Amino acid sequence: MPRTLNTLTLSDAKQMLQAGEAKAANLGIPYNIAVVDAGGALIAFTRQDGALAGSIDLAIGKAKTARLFDKTTEYLAELAQPGAPLFGIEQSNGGNVVIFGGGLPVKYDNQIIGAVGTSAGSVEQDIAVAVAAAEAISPNAKP
């Protein structure tokens, strides 16, 4: 029986980027923001003027990681500490797993439809920008 897959669209991603950029401007930090679809493929990315070049791959990696594991990257970081159940997870998937805050799955009607990843500030600031982006299309987005 065929199943329907709900996913973020380019239009959704643009709204998310705009909201994330606004939050970044409010923080006074130029940001890198990435949005991936339900399959984890990049839909849209923005690098604000002056955003750290080293954070480009981190933002994309956080978004992909959040979708790959359907968990926030902040939560994965907790689970990846020495002695924790997922210690070493960042070495999986070709070493492309990013496990510090700023990546989160995006839900609609309790179904994950994509993810967002942000990078440029502190972990707390990255989370705030990611939440602002997600809330643009998914009210009550929580890390």
N, C-alpha and C. Protein backbone atom coordinates (compact mmCIF):
# COMPACT_ATOMS: atom_id res chain seq x y z
N MET A 1 0.84 -1.18 0.00
CA MET A 1 0.00 0.00 0.00
C MET A 1 0.89 1.24 0.00
N PRO A 2 0.66 2.19 -0.89
CA PRO A 2 1.48 3.41 -0.94
C PRO A 2 1.32 4.24 0.32
N ARG A 3 2.42 4.89 0.70
CA ARG A 3 2.39 5.80 1.83
C ARG A 3 2.70 7.20 1.34
N THR A 4 2.18 8.17 2.04
CA THR A 4 2.44 9.56 1.71
C THR A 4 3.55 10.08 2.61
N LEU A 5 4.51 10.75 2.02
CA LEU A 5 5.60 11.34 2.78
C LEU A 5 5.41 12.84 2.81
N ASN A 6 5.27 13.38 3.99
CA ASN A 6 5.19 14.83 4.14
C ASN A 6 6.60 15.36 4.36
N THR A 7 6.90 16.44 3.70
CA THR A 7 8.24 17.01 3.80
C THR A 7 8.19 18.53 3.70
N LEU A 8 9.24 19.16 4.20
CA LEU A 8 9.37 20.60 4.03
C LEU A 8 9.51 20.92 2.55
N THR A 9 9.00 22.07 2.17
CA THR A 9 9.13 22.54 0.79
C THR A 9 10.12 23.69 0.75
N LEU A 10 10.46 24.11 -0.45
CA LEU A 10 11.34 25.27 -0.59
C LEU A 10 10.68 26.51 0.03
N SER A 11 9.39 26.64 -0.16
CA SER A 11 8.67 27.77 0.43
C SER A 11 8.78 27.75 1.96
N ASP A 12 8.60 26.56 2.56
CA ASP A 12 8.76 26.42 4.01
C ASP A 12 10.17 26.82 4.43
N ALA A 13 11.15 26.30 3.69
CA ALA A 13 12.56 26.56 4.03
C ALA A 13 12.87 28.05 3.97
N LYS A 14 12.33 28.74 2.98
CA LYS A 14 12.56 30.18 2.87
C LYS A 14 11.98 30.92 4.08
N GLN A 15 10.80 30.52 4.52
CA GLN A 15 10.19 31.13 5.71
C GLN A 15 11.06 30.87 6.93
N MET A 16 11.58 29.65 7.02
CA MET A 16 12.43 29.29 8.16
C MET A 16 13.73 30.10 8.16
N LEU A 17 14.34 30.22 6.99
CA LEU A 17 15.57 31.00 6.90
C LEU A 17 15.33 32.45 7.30
N GLN A 18 14.24 33.00 6.84
CA GLN A 18 13.92 34.39 7.17
C GLN A 18 13.76 34.57 8.68
N ALA A 19 13.05 33.65 9.32
CA ALA A 19 12.85 33.74 10.77
C ALA A 19 14.17 33.54 11.51
N GLY A 20 14.98 32.61 11.05
CA GLY A 20 16.29 32.39 11.67
C GLY A 20 17.20 33.59 11.51
N GLU A 21 17.17 34.19 10.33
CA GLU A 21 17.99 35.39 10.09
C GLU A 21 17.56 36.54 11.00
N ALA A 22 16.26 36.67 11.21
CA ALA A 22 15.76 37.73 12.08
C ALA A 22 16.24 37.52 13.51
N LYS A 23 16.21 36.28 13.98
CA LYS A 23 16.68 35.99 15.33
C LYS A 23 18.18 36.26 15.43
N ALA A 24 18.94 35.87 14.41
CA ALA A 24 20.38 36.11 14.40
C ALA A 24 20.67 37.61 14.45
N ALA A 25 19.91 38.38 13.69
CA ALA A 25 20.09 39.84 13.68
C ALA A 25 19.80 40.40 15.07
N ASN A 26 18.77 39.85 15.72
CA ASN A 26 18.43 40.27 17.07
C ASN A 26 19.58 39.99 18.05
N LEU A 27 20.28 38.89 17.81
CA LEU A 27 21.43 38.53 18.65
C LEU A 27 22.68 39.32 18.27
N GLY A 28 22.67 39.91 17.06
CA GLY A 28 23.82 40.66 16.59
C GLY A 28 24.95 39.78 16.09
N ILE A 29 24.59 38.56 15.63
CA ILE A 29 25.60 37.61 15.16
C ILE A 29 25.21 37.14 13.76
N PRO A 30 26.10 37.26 12.77
CA PRO A 30 25.79 36.71 11.45
C PRO A 30 25.84 35.18 11.48
N TYR A 31 24.83 34.53 10.93
CA TYR A 31 24.64 33.09 11.06
C TYR A 31 24.67 32.32 9.75
N ASN A 32 24.98 31.03 9.88
CA ASN A 32 24.79 30.03 8.84
C ASN A 32 23.59 29.21 9.26
N ILE A 33 22.63 29.04 8.35
CA ILE A 33 21.40 28.32 8.66
C ILE A 33 21.11 27.36 7.51
N ALA A 34 20.85 26.09 7.85
CA ALA A 34 20.57 25.07 6.84
C ALA A 34 19.23 24.41 7.14
N VAL A 35 18.50 24.08 6.08
CA VAL A 35 17.23 23.38 6.20
C VAL A 35 17.29 22.15 5.29
N VAL A 36 16.93 20.99 5.86
CA VAL A 36 16.87 19.75 5.08
C VAL A 36 15.45 19.22 5.05
N ASP A 37 15.17 18.41 4.04
CA ASP A 37 13.83 17.84 3.89
C ASP A 37 13.69 16.56 4.72
N ALA A 38 12.57 15.88 4.57
CA ALA A 38 12.30 14.67 5.35
C ALA A 38 13.31 13.57 5.07
N GLY A 39 13.94 13.59 3.93
CA GLY A 39 14.96 12.60 3.60
C GLY A 39 16.36 13.02 4.01
N GLY A 40 16.50 14.21 4.58
CA GLY A 40 17.79 14.71 5.03
C GLY A 40 18.59 15.43 3.96
N ALA A 41 17.97 15.68 2.80
CA ALA A 41 18.67 16.39 1.72
C ALA A 41 18.51 17.91 1.91
N LEU A 42 19.57 18.63 1.63
CA LEU A 42 19.57 20.08 1.79
C LEU A 42 18.55 20.72 0.85
N ILE A 43 17.67 21.54 1.41
CA ILE A 43 16.69 22.30 0.61
C ILE A 43 17.21 23.72 0.41
N ALA A 44 17.66 24.33 1.52
CA ALA A 44 18.06 25.73 1.45
C ALA A 44 19.11 26.01 2.51
N PHE A 45 19.94 26.99 2.20
CA PHE A 45 21.02 27.38 3.11
C PHE A 45 21.25 28.88 2.95
N THR A 46 21.57 29.53 4.06
CA THR A 46 21.95 30.93 3.99
C THR A 46 23.18 31.15 4.85
N ARG A 47 24.04 31.99 4.33
CA ARG A 47 25.20 32.45 5.10
C ARG A 47 25.12 33.97 5.12
N GLN A 48 24.78 34.50 6.28
CA GLN A 48 24.68 35.94 6.41
C GLN A 48 26.07 36.56 6.25
N ASP A 49 26.10 37.78 5.76
CA ASP A 49 27.36 38.48 5.56
C ASP A 49 28.17 38.46 6.85
N GLY A 50 29.40 37.99 6.76
CA GLY A 50 30.29 37.95 7.91
C GLY A 50 30.20 36.69 8.76
N ALA A 51 29.29 35.78 8.42
CA ALA A 51 29.17 34.54 9.19
C ALA A 51 30.45 33.71 9.04
N LEU A 52 30.82 33.03 10.08
CA LEU A 52 32.04 32.23 10.08
C LEU A 52 32.01 31.16 9.00
N ALA A 53 33.06 31.11 8.19
CA ALA A 53 33.15 30.11 7.12
C ALA A 53 33.22 28.70 7.71
N GLY A 54 33.86 28.55 8.86
CA GLY A 54 33.97 27.24 9.49
C GLY A 54 32.66 26.69 9.99
N SER A 55 31.65 27.57 10.09
CA SER A 55 30.34 27.14 10.58
C SER A 55 29.41 26.67 9.46
N ILE A 56 29.81 26.82 8.22
CA ILE A 56 28.96 26.38 7.11
C ILE A 56 28.68 24.89 7.21
N ASP A 57 29.73 24.08 7.25
CA ASP A 57 29.56 22.63 7.32
C ASP A 57 28.89 22.21 8.63
N LEU A 58 29.14 22.97 9.69
CA LEU A 58 28.52 22.63 10.97
C LEU A 58 27.00 22.81 10.92
N ALA A 59 26.53 23.90 10.33
CA ALA A 59 25.09 24.13 10.23
C ALA A 59 24.43 23.03 9.39
N ILE A 60 25.03 22.72 8.26
CA ILE A 60 24.47 21.67 7.40
C ILE A 60 24.53 20.32 8.12
N GLY A 61 25.65 20.05 8.77
CA GLY A 61 25.80 18.79 9.50
C GLY A 61 24.81 18.65 10.63
N LYS A 62 24.54 19.73 11.35
CA LYS A 62 23.56 19.68 12.44
C LYS A 62 22.16 19.36 11.89
N ALA A 63 21.79 20.00 10.78
CA ALA A 63 20.47 19.73 10.20
C ALA A 63 20.36 18.27 9.77
N LYS A 64 21.36 17.78 9.08
CA LYS A 64 21.33 16.38 8.62
C LYS A 64 21.33 15.41 9.79
N THR A 65 22.12 15.70 10.81
CA THR A 65 22.18 14.83 11.99
C THR A 65 20.84 14.79 12.69
N ALA A 66 20.20 15.95 12.86
CA ALA A 66 18.90 16.00 13.54
C ALA A 66 17.88 15.16 12.79
N ARG A 67 17.93 15.18 11.46
CA ARG A 67 16.98 14.38 10.68
C ARG A 67 17.37 12.90 10.66
N LEU A 68 18.65 12.64 10.57
CA LEU A 68 19.12 11.27 10.53
C LEU A 68 18.72 10.48 11.77
N PHE A 69 18.80 11.14 12.93
CA PHE A 69 18.48 10.47 14.18
C PHE A 69 17.17 10.92 14.80
N ASP A 70 16.49 11.88 14.17
CA ASP A 70 15.21 12.40 14.66
C ASP A 70 15.28 12.85 16.12
N LYS A 71 16.40 13.48 16.45
CA LYS A 71 16.62 14.01 17.78
C LYS A 71 17.36 15.34 17.64
N THR A 72 17.25 16.17 18.65
CA THR A 72 18.03 17.40 18.62
C THR A 72 19.50 17.03 18.77
N THR A 73 20.36 17.84 18.19
CA THR A 73 21.79 17.59 18.34
C THR A 73 22.23 17.86 19.78
N GLU A 74 21.52 18.71 20.47
CA GLU A 74 21.81 18.96 21.89
C GLU A 74 21.59 17.68 22.69
N TYR A 75 20.49 16.99 22.44
CA TYR A 75 20.19 15.73 23.15
C TYR A 75 21.20 14.64 22.77
N LEU A 76 21.56 14.58 21.49
CA LEU A 76 22.56 13.59 21.07
C LEU A 76 23.89 13.84 21.77
N ALA A 77 24.23 15.10 22.00
CA ALA A 77 25.48 15.41 22.70
C ALA A 77 25.47 14.82 24.10
N GLU A 78 24.32 14.90 24.77
CA GLU A 78 24.20 14.30 26.11
C GLU A 78 24.40 12.79 26.05
N LEU A 79 23.79 12.16 25.04
CA LEU A 79 23.87 10.71 24.91
C LEU A 79 25.23 10.22 24.44
N ALA A 80 26.07 11.13 23.96
CA ALA A 80 27.37 10.76 23.40
C ALA A 80 28.53 10.97 24.37
N GLN A 81 28.24 11.37 25.58
CA GLN A 81 29.30 11.57 26.56
C GLN A 81 29.92 10.24 26.97
N PRO A 82 31.18 10.24 27.42
CA PRO A 82 31.80 8.99 27.87
C PRO A 82 30.93 8.29 28.91
N GLY A 83 30.70 7.02 28.70
CA GLY A 83 29.86 6.23 29.59
C GLY A 83 28.39 6.28 29.25
N ALA A 84 27.97 7.17 28.36
CA ALA A 84 26.56 7.28 27.95
C ALA A 84 26.29 6.27 26.83
N PRO A 85 25.01 5.98 26.59
CA PRO A 85 24.66 4.91 25.64
C PRO A 85 25.11 5.12 24.20
N LEU A 86 25.29 6.36 23.75
CA LEU A 86 25.67 6.60 22.36
C LEU A 86 27.10 7.14 22.22
N PHE A 87 27.93 6.87 23.21
CA PHE A 87 29.31 7.33 23.15
C PHE A 87 29.95 6.88 21.84
N GLY A 88 30.53 7.84 21.11
CA GLY A 88 31.18 7.55 19.83
C GLY A 88 30.29 7.70 18.61
N ILE A 89 29.04 8.09 18.80
CA ILE A 89 28.10 8.19 17.67
C ILE A 89 28.59 9.16 16.60
N GLU A 90 29.38 10.18 17.02
CA GLU A 90 29.85 11.17 16.05
C GLU A 90 30.80 10.55 15.02
N GLN A 91 31.27 9.36 15.28
CA GLN A 91 32.14 8.67 14.32
C GLN A 91 31.34 7.87 13.29
N SER A 92 30.04 7.73 13.52
CA SER A 92 29.20 6.97 12.58
C SER A 92 28.91 7.78 11.32
N ASN A 93 28.33 7.16 10.35
CA ASN A 93 27.91 7.82 9.12
C ASN A 93 29.06 8.61 8.47
N GLY A 94 30.19 7.96 8.40
CA GLY A 94 31.35 8.57 7.75
C GLY A 94 31.93 9.74 8.52
N GLY A 95 31.62 9.83 9.81
CA GLY A 95 32.12 10.94 10.62
C GLY A 95 31.39 12.25 10.37
N ASN A 96 30.23 12.18 9.73
CA ASN A 96 29.48 13.39 9.38
C ASN A 96 28.39 13.73 10.39
N VAL A 97 28.48 13.19 11.59
CA VAL A 97 27.49 13.46 12.63
C VAL A 97 28.00 14.60 13.50
N VAL A 98 27.18 15.63 13.66
CA VAL A 98 27.54 16.79 14.47
C VAL A 98 26.67 16.75 15.72
N ILE A 99 27.31 16.68 16.88
CA ILE A 99 26.56 16.44 18.12
C ILE A 99 26.69 17.55 19.15
N PHE A 100 26.52 18.79 18.74
CA PHE A 100 26.33 19.84 19.72
C PHE A 100 25.18 20.71 19.27
N GLY A 101 24.57 21.39 20.23
CA GLY A 101 23.30 22.08 20.01
C GLY A 101 23.24 22.99 18.80
N GLY A 102 22.04 23.05 18.23
CA GLY A 102 21.79 23.91 17.07
C GLY A 102 21.13 23.17 15.93
N GLY A 103 20.89 21.89 16.09
CA GLY A 103 20.16 21.11 15.09
C GLY A 103 18.90 20.53 15.71
N LEU A 104 17.78 20.66 15.01
CA LEU A 104 16.56 20.06 15.55
C LEU A 104 15.62 19.62 14.45
N PRO A 105 14.93 18.50 14.70
CA PRO A 105 13.92 18.04 13.75
C PRO A 105 12.77 19.04 13.71
N VAL A 106 12.12 19.12 12.57
CA VAL A 106 10.95 19.99 12.41
C VAL A 106 9.75 19.09 12.23
N LYS A 107 8.72 19.35 13.04
CA LYS A 107 7.51 18.52 13.01
C LYS A 107 6.31 19.31 12.53
N TYR A 108 5.41 18.58 11.92
CA TYR A 108 4.10 19.12 11.56
C TYR A 108 3.10 18.01 11.82
N ASP A 109 2.05 18.30 12.57
CA ASP A 109 1.08 17.28 12.97
C ASP A 109 1.77 16.06 13.57
N ASN A 110 2.76 16.31 14.42
CA ASN A 110 3.50 15.27 15.13
C ASN A 110 4.32 14.35 14.23
N GLN A 111 4.55 14.76 13.00
CA GLN A 111 5.36 13.98 12.07
C GLN A 111 6.59 14.81 11.69
N ILE A 112 7.75 14.18 11.71
CA ILE A 112 8.97 14.88 11.34
C ILE A 112 8.99 15.06 9.83
N ILE A 113 9.14 16.33 9.41
CA ILE A 113 9.09 16.65 7.98
C ILE A 113 10.40 17.26 7.47
N GLY A 114 11.39 17.32 8.34
CA GLY A 114 12.68 17.88 7.96
C GLY A 114 13.43 18.28 9.21
N ALA A 115 14.45 19.12 9.02
CA ALA A 115 15.23 19.58 10.16
C ALA A 115 15.93 20.89 9.80
N VAL A 116 16.40 21.57 10.84
CA VAL A 116 17.15 22.81 10.67
C VAL A 116 18.43 22.72 11.49
N GLY A 117 19.48 23.33 10.98
CA GLY A 117 20.74 23.40 11.69
C GLY A 117 21.31 24.80 11.61
N THR A 118 21.88 25.27 12.70
CA THR A 118 22.43 26.63 12.74
C THR A 118 23.80 26.60 13.39
N SER A 119 24.64 27.55 12.99
CA SER A 119 25.96 27.62 13.61
C SER A 119 26.56 29.01 13.43
N ALA A 120 27.16 29.53 14.50
CA ALA A 120 27.93 30.78 14.49
C ALA A 120 28.13 31.32 15.88
N GLY A 121 27.20 31.09 16.79
CA GLY A 121 27.31 31.64 18.14
C GLY A 121 27.61 30.57 19.15
N SER A 122 27.20 30.81 20.38
CA SER A 122 27.32 29.80 21.43
C SER A 122 26.29 28.71 21.16
N VAL A 123 26.41 27.60 21.85
CA VAL A 123 25.43 26.52 21.69
C VAL A 123 24.04 27.05 22.00
N GLU A 124 23.90 27.82 23.06
CA GLU A 124 22.59 28.36 23.44
C GLU A 124 22.03 29.27 22.34
N GLN A 125 22.90 30.10 21.75
CA GLN A 125 22.46 30.99 20.67
C GLN A 125 22.09 30.17 19.43
N ASP A 126 22.88 29.16 19.11
CA ASP A 126 22.56 28.30 17.97
C ASP A 126 21.19 27.65 18.14
N ILE A 127 20.91 27.18 19.35
CA ILE A 127 19.61 26.57 19.63
C ILE A 127 18.50 27.60 19.45
N ALA A 128 18.69 28.80 19.97
CA ALA A 128 17.67 29.85 19.86
C ALA A 128 17.37 30.19 18.40
N VAL A 129 18.39 30.27 17.56
CA VAL A 129 18.18 30.58 16.15
C VAL A 129 17.46 29.41 15.46
N ALA A 130 17.84 28.18 15.80
CA ALA A 130 17.18 27.01 15.21
C ALA A 130 15.71 26.94 15.61
N VAL A 131 15.44 27.22 16.87
CA VAL A 131 14.04 27.20 17.34
C VAL A 131 13.24 28.28 16.63
N ALA A 132 13.79 29.47 16.48
CA ALA A 132 13.08 30.54 15.77
C ALA A 132 12.77 30.13 14.34
N ALA A 133 13.73 29.49 13.69
CA ALA A 133 13.50 29.04 12.31
C ALA A 133 12.40 27.99 12.26
N ALA A 134 12.46 27.02 13.15
CA ALA A 134 11.45 25.95 13.15
C ALA A 134 10.06 26.47 13.47
N GLU A 135 9.99 27.43 14.39
CA GLU A 135 8.69 27.97 14.78
C GLU A 135 8.01 28.73 13.65
N ALA A 136 8.75 29.10 12.62
CA ALA A 136 8.15 29.81 11.49
C ALA A 136 7.10 28.95 10.80
N ILE A 137 7.25 27.63 10.88
CA ILE A 137 6.26 26.75 10.25
C ILE A 137 5.72 25.69 11.19
N SER A 138 6.34 25.55 12.35
CA SER A 138 5.93 24.54 13.32
C SER A 138 5.81 25.19 14.70
N PRO A 139 4.67 25.78 14.99
CA PRO A 139 4.52 26.46 16.28
C PRO A 139 4.87 25.52 17.43
N ASN A 140 5.41 26.10 18.48
CA ASN A 140 5.81 25.37 19.68
C ASN A 140 6.97 24.41 19.44
N ALA A 141 7.83 24.71 18.48
CA ALA A 141 9.02 23.89 18.25
C ALA A 141 9.86 23.95 19.51
N LYS A 142 10.35 22.81 19.92
CA LYS A 142 11.14 22.75 21.15
C LYS A 142 12.42 21.98 20.88
N PRO A 143 13.50 22.43 21.52
CA PRO A 143 14.75 21.67 21.36
C PRO A 143 14.70 20.37 22.15
